[in-house]
């Protein structure tokens, strides 16, 4: 009876830690999937020689998912352009983007997303460089977060602010 009681107490004490580890792995998996889709979008832009974008599904929030699709080469062709879609990701619950995922918004058009030009650079509609971050959180563990940071050289990194406070800024 004492052994069962000790096992029960140990299990009860370790449950919050286990839930936090599961939540951290869920956030990390979503972050890696997002970054791999961004890498794919960049590689497709280089391969086909035209712009490719990573945008939220249906223009909504990032939490609803995202899609990698070809962009339209010119503004005149936008109305007749039928983008080709390669990958999409559906809802990512219970993971969410902190701050509503407002990051990666083109300051000129107000549209969310990352547009990779034919040279593979992340650019805005006006040609400026996009360097930004998306911050992921978890509904069951509110203090947990990961930052996906796109640097000026086009490199992505996943940063855990609780461990790497210097690298996250």
C-alpha atoms as a PDB file:
ATOM      1  CA  UNK A   1       0.000   0.000   0.000  1.00  0.00           C
ATOM      2  CA  UNK A   2       2.871   2.378   0.846  1.00  0.00           C
ATOM      3  CA  UNK A   3       4.508   1.720  -2.532  1.00  0.00           C
ATOM      4  CA  UNK A   4       1.279   2.582  -4.381  1.00  0.00           C
ATOM      5  CA  UNK A   5       0.952   5.771  -2.315  1.00  0.00           C
ATOM      6  CA  UNK A   6       4.544   6.810  -3.117  1.00  0.00           C
ATOM      7  CA  UNK A   7       3.979   6.155  -6.834  1.00  0.00           C
ATOM      8  CA  UNK A   8       0.747   8.177  -6.783  1.00  0.00           C
ATOM      9  CA  UNK A   9       2.406  11.119  -5.045  1.00  0.00           C
ATOM     10  CA  UNK A  10       5.361  11.029  -7.451  1.00  0.00           C
ATOM     11  CA  UNK A  11       3.035  10.916 -10.454  1.00  0.00           C
ATOM     12  CA  UNK A  12       0.949  13.829  -9.135  1.00  0.00           C
ATOM     13  CA  UNK A  13       4.072  15.915  -8.574  1.00  0.00           C
ATOM     14  CA  UNK A  14       5.499  15.228 -12.029  1.00  0.00           C
ATOM     15  CA  UNK A  15       2.297  15.916 -14.034  1.00  0.00           C
ATOM     16  CA  UNK A  16       2.779  19.708 -14.386  1.00  0.00           C
ATOM     17  CA  UNK A  17       6.351  19.202 -15.558  1.00  0.00           C
ATOM     18  CA  UNK A  18       5.244  16.557 -18.034  1.00  0.00           C
ATOM     19  CA  UNK A  19       2.488  18.839 -19.382  1.00  0.00           C
ATOM     20  CA  UNK A  20       4.992  21.663 -19.805  1.00  0.00           C
ATOM     21  CA  UNK A  21       7.384  19.395 -21.718  1.00  0.00           C
ATOM     22  CA  UNK A  22       4.578  18.219 -24.011  1.00  0.00           C
ATOM     23  CA  UNK A  23       3.546  21.833 -24.647  1.00  0.00           C
ATOM     24  CA  UNK A  24       7.164  22.817 -25.397  1.00  0.00           C
ATOM     25  CA  UNK A  25       7.434  19.999 -27.939  1.00  0.00           C
ATOM     26  CA  UNK A  26       4.167  21.052 -29.580  1.00  0.00           C
ATOM     27  CA  UNK A  27       5.427  24.636 -29.916  1.00  0.00           C
ATOM     28  CA  UNK A  28       8.797  23.459 -31.241  1.00  0.00           C
ATOM     29  CA  UNK A  29       7.101  21.193 -33.809  1.00  0.00           C
ATOM     30  CA  UNK A  30       4.937  24.058 -35.124  1.00  0.00           C
ATOM     31  CA  UNK A  31       7.953  26.406 -35.221  1.00  0.00           C
ATOM     32  CA  UNK A  32      10.034  23.868 -37.166  1.00  0.00           C
ATOM     33  CA  UNK A  33       7.149  23.223 -39.586  1.00  0.00           C
ATOM     34  CA  UNK A  34       6.670  26.959 -40.193  1.00  0.00           C
ATOM     35  CA  UNK A  35      10.391  27.467 -40.798  1.00  0.00           C
ATOM     36  CA  UNK A  36      10.598  24.457 -43.118  1.00  0.00           C
ATOM     37  CA  UNK A  37       7.700  25.892 -45.153  1.00  0.00           C
ATOM     38  CA  UNK A  38       9.522  29.252 -45.271  1.00  0.00           C
ATOM     39  CA  UNK A  39      12.687  27.492 -46.481  1.00  0.00           C
ATOM     40  CA  UNK A  40      10.642  25.684 -49.121  1.00  0.00           C
ATOM     41  CA  UNK A  41       9.068  28.971 -50.271  1.00  0.00           C
ATOM     42  CA  UNK A  42      12.507  30.560 -50.600  1.00  0.00           C
ATOM     43  CA  UNK A  43      13.887  27.571 -52.520  1.00  0.00           C
ATOM     44  CA  UNK A  44      10.894  27.556 -54.874  1.00  0.00           C
ATOM     45  CA  UNK A  45      11.396  31.272 -55.568  1.00  0.00           C
ATOM     46  CA  UNK A  46      15.018  30.568 -56.485  1.00  0.00           C
ATOM     47  CA  UNK A  47      14.089  27.505 -58.539  1.00  0.00           C
ATOM     48  CA  UNK A  48      11.225  28.941 -60.623  1.00  0.00           C
ATOM     49  CA  UNK A  49      12.629  32.462 -60.826  1.00  0.00           C
ATOM     50  CA  UNK A  50       9.521  34.249 -59.576  1.00  0.00           C
ATOM     51  CA  UNK A  51       8.138  35.366 -56.261  1.00  0.00           C
ATOM     52  CA  UNK A  52       6.738  32.838 -53.792  1.00  0.00           C
ATOM     53  CA  UNK A  53       4.876  33.753 -50.648  1.00  0.00           C
ATOM     54  CA  UNK A  54       4.136  32.257 -47.263  1.00  0.00           C
ATOM     55  CA  UNK A  55       0.844  33.780 -46.144  1.00  0.00           C
ATOM     56  CA  UNK A  56      -1.901  33.115 -43.599  1.00  0.00           C
ATOM     57  CA  UNK A  57      -4.770  30.995 -44.933  1.00  0.00           C
ATOM     58  CA  UNK A  58      -7.629  33.115 -46.314  1.00  0.00           C
ATOM     59  CA  UNK A  59      -5.880  36.283 -45.141  1.00  0.00           C
ATOM     60  CA  UNK A  60      -6.820  35.464 -41.548  1.00  0.00           C
ATOM     61  CA  UNK A  61      -4.648  35.083 -38.482  1.00  0.00           C
ATOM     62  CA  UNK A  62      -1.600  32.808 -38.570  1.00  0.00           C
ATOM     63  CA  UNK A  63      -3.319  30.457 -36.065  1.00  0.00           C
ATOM     64  CA  UNK A  64      -5.754  29.354 -38.767  1.00  0.00           C
ATOM     65  CA  UNK A  65      -2.791  28.083 -40.745  1.00  0.00           C
ATOM     66  CA  UNK A  66      -0.698  29.213 -43.677  1.00  0.00           C
ATOM     67  CA  UNK A  67      -0.015  28.379 -47.282  1.00  0.00           C
ATOM     68  CA  UNK A  68       3.046  28.457 -49.542  1.00  0.00           C
ATOM     69  CA  UNK A  69       2.070  29.652 -52.996  1.00  0.00           C
ATOM     70  CA  UNK A  70       3.541  31.326 -56.037  1.00  0.00           C
ATOM     71  CA  UNK A  71       3.139  35.063 -56.188  1.00  0.00           C
ATOM     72  CA  UNK A  72       2.069  37.210 -59.101  1.00  0.00           C
ATOM     73  CA  UNK A  73       5.042  38.707 -60.972  1.00  0.00           C
ATOM     74  CA  UNK A  74       3.508  42.138 -61.657  1.00  0.00           C
ATOM     75  CA  UNK A  75       0.720  44.259 -60.239  1.00  0.00           C
ATOM     76  CA  UNK A  76      -1.126  44.251 -63.582  1.00  0.00           C
ATOM     77  CA  UNK A  77      -1.194  40.453 -63.620  1.00  0.00           C
ATOM     78  CA  UNK A  78      -2.565  40.147 -60.062  1.00  0.00           C
ATOM     79  CA  UNK A  79      -6.221  40.106 -61.160  1.00  0.00           C
ATOM     80  CA  UNK A  80      -5.632  37.312 -63.677  1.00  0.00           C
ATOM     81  CA  UNK A  81      -2.995  35.457 -61.670  1.00  0.00           C
ATOM     82  CA  UNK A  82      -3.830  31.969 -60.398  1.00  0.00           C
ATOM     83  CA  UNK A  83      -1.212  31.189 -57.744  1.00  0.00           C
ATOM     84  CA  UNK A  84       0.092  27.652 -57.530  1.00  0.00           C
ATOM     85  CA  UNK A  85      -0.127  26.177 -54.014  1.00  0.00           C
ATOM     86  CA  UNK A  86       2.439  23.699 -52.766  1.00  0.00           C
ATOM     87  CA  UNK A  87       1.989  23.335 -49.011  1.00  0.00           C
ATOM     88  CA  UNK A  88      -0.540  24.414 -46.487  1.00  0.00           C
ATOM     89  CA  UNK A  89      -0.884  23.977 -42.757  1.00  0.00           C
ATOM     90  CA  UNK A  90      -4.255  23.961 -41.022  1.00  0.00           C
ATOM     91  CA  UNK A  91      -5.144  25.088 -37.528  1.00  0.00           C
ATOM     92  CA  UNK A  92      -2.316  24.852 -35.004  1.00  0.00           C
ATOM     93  CA  UNK A  93      -4.304  24.766 -31.741  1.00  0.00           C
ATOM     94  CA  UNK A  94      -3.447  24.732 -28.838  1.00  0.00           C
ATOM     95  CA  UNK A  95      -0.398  26.688 -30.064  1.00  0.00           C
ATOM     96  CA  UNK A  96      -1.032  30.336 -30.952  1.00  0.00           C
ATOM     97  CA  UNK A  97       0.877  33.381 -32.153  1.00  0.00           C
ATOM     98  CA  UNK A  98       1.318  35.927 -29.368  1.00  0.00           C
ATOM     99  CA  UNK A  99       0.230  39.422 -30.226  1.00  0.00           C
ATOM    100  CA  UNK A 100      -2.151  37.982 -32.805  1.00  0.00           C
ATOM    101  CA  UNK A 101       0.691  37.233 -35.195  1.00  0.00           C
ATOM    102  CA  UNK A 102       0.848  40.828 -36.431  1.00  0.00           C
ATOM    103  CA  UNK A 103       4.465  40.349 -37.353  1.00  0.00           C
ATOM    104  CA  UNK A 104       5.550  39.968 -40.974  1.00  0.00           C
ATOM    105  CA  UNK A 105       3.092  42.631 -42.089  1.00  0.00           C
ATOM    106  CA  UNK A 106       4.100  44.665 -45.132  1.00  0.00           C
ATOM    107  CA  UNK A 107       4.059  48.290 -43.889  1.00  0.00           C
ATOM    108  CA  UNK A 108       2.996  49.554 -47.329  1.00  0.00           C
ATOM    109  CA  UNK A 109       0.155  47.176 -48.182  1.00  0.00           C
ATOM    110  CA  UNK A 110      -0.837  46.027 -44.676  1.00  0.00           C
ATOM    111  CA  UNK A 111      -0.850  42.405 -45.880  1.00  0.00           C
ATOM    112  CA  UNK A 112       0.576  39.672 -43.676  1.00  0.00           C
ATOM    113  CA  UNK A 113       3.043  37.179 -45.020  1.00  0.00           C
ATOM    114  CA  UNK A 114       6.552  36.709 -46.313  1.00  0.00           C
ATOM    115  CA  UNK A 115       7.229  37.271 -49.997  1.00  0.00           C
ATOM    116  CA  UNK A 116      10.432  35.751 -51.354  1.00  0.00           C
ATOM    117  CA  UNK A 117      11.542  37.361 -54.619  1.00  0.00           C
ATOM    118  CA  UNK A 118      13.214  35.494 -57.485  1.00  0.00           C
ATOM    119  CA  UNK A 119      16.603  36.011 -55.803  1.00  0.00           C
ATOM    120  CA  UNK A 120      15.306  34.314 -52.626  1.00  0.00           C
ATOM    121  CA  UNK A 121      15.264  37.473 -50.513  1.00  0.00           C
ATOM    122  CA  UNK A 122      12.372  38.237 -48.181  1.00  0.00           C
ATOM    123  CA  UNK A 123      11.109  41.597 -49.407  1.00  0.00           C
ATOM    124  CA  UNK A 124       8.127  43.897 -48.921  1.00  0.00           C
ATOM    125  CA  UNK A 125       5.981  45.024 -51.825  1.00  0.00           C
ATOM    126  CA  UNK A 126       8.096  48.198 -52.063  1.00  0.00           C
ATOM    127  CA  UNK A 127      11.391  46.281 -52.095  1.00  0.00           C
ATOM    128  CA  UNK A 128      12.410  46.765 -48.463  1.00  0.00           C
ATOM    129  CA  UNK A 129      13.883  43.904 -46.456  1.00  0.00           C
ATOM    130  CA  UNK A 130      11.656  41.951 -44.106  1.00  0.00           C
ATOM    131  CA  UNK A 131      13.424  41.094 -40.842  1.00  0.00           C
ATOM    132  CA  UNK A 132      11.043  40.142 -38.115  1.00  0.00           C
ATOM    133  CA  UNK A 133       9.893  37.548 -35.652  1.00  0.00           C
ATOM    134  CA  UNK A 134       6.825  35.528 -34.783  1.00  0.00           C
ATOM    135  CA  UNK A 135       6.244  34.575 -31.162  1.00  0.00           C
ATOM    136  CA  UNK A 136       4.513  31.285 -30.392  1.00  0.00           C
ATOM    137  CA  UNK A 137       2.698  30.549 -27.153  1.00  0.00           C
ATOM    138  CA  UNK A 138       0.702  27.631 -25.764  1.00  0.00           C
ATOM    139  CA  UNK A 139      -2.826  27.805 -24.361  1.00  0.00           C
ATOM    140  CA  UNK A 140      -2.226  25.279 -21.561  1.00  0.00           C
ATOM    141  CA  UNK A 141       1.108  26.763 -20.419  1.00  0.00           C
ATOM    142  CA  UNK A 142       0.794  30.566 -20.745  1.00  0.00           C
ATOM    143  CA  UNK A 143       4.371  31.446 -19.688  1.00  0.00           C
ATOM    144  CA  UNK A 144       5.897  29.207 -22.373  1.00  0.00           C
ATOM    145  CA  UNK A 145       6.999  30.857 -25.627  1.00  0.00           C
ATOM    146  CA  UNK A 146       9.304  30.421 -28.594  1.00  0.00           C
ATOM    147  CA  UNK A 147      10.409  33.132 -30.998  1.00  0.00           C
ATOM    148  CA  UNK A 148      10.977  32.387 -34.670  1.00  0.00           C
ATOM    149  CA  UNK A 149      13.394  35.037 -35.878  1.00  0.00           C
ATOM    150  CA  UNK A 150      14.236  35.800 -39.508  1.00  0.00           C
ATOM    151  CA  UNK A 151      17.571  37.593 -39.698  1.00  0.00           C
ATOM    152  CA  UNK A 152      18.775  39.984 -42.385  1.00  0.00           C
ATOM    153  CA  UNK A 153      20.884  37.222 -43.964  1.00  0.00           C
ATOM    154  CA  UNK A 154      17.811  35.043 -44.459  1.00  0.00           C
ATOM    155  CA  UNK A 155      18.642  32.677 -41.609  1.00  0.00           C
ATOM    156  CA  UNK A 156      15.939  31.489 -39.247  1.00  0.00           C
ATOM    157  CA  UNK A 157      16.413  30.612 -35.629  1.00  0.00           C
ATOM    158  CA  UNK A 158      14.112  29.422 -32.877  1.00  0.00           C
ATOM    159  CA  UNK A 159      14.764  31.187 -29.620  1.00  0.00           C
ATOM    160  CA  UNK A 160      13.605  30.211 -26.131  1.00  0.00           C
ATOM    161  CA  UNK A 161      13.572  33.477 -24.128  1.00  0.00           C
ATOM    162  CA  UNK A 162      13.670  31.624 -20.805  1.00  0.00           C
ATOM    163  CA  UNK A 163      17.058  30.114 -21.743  1.00  0.00           C
ATOM    164  CA  UNK A 164      18.573  32.384 -24.412  1.00  0.00           C
ATOM    165  CA  UNK A 165      17.561  35.905 -23.402  1.00  0.00           C
ATOM    166  CA  UNK A 166      20.647  37.394 -25.095  1.00  0.00           C
ATOM    167  CA  UNK A 167      20.056  35.617 -28.439  1.00  0.00           C
ATOM    168  CA  UNK A 168      16.356  36.571 -28.558  1.00  0.00           C
ATOM    169  CA  UNK A 169      16.985  40.289 -28.911  1.00  0.00           C
END
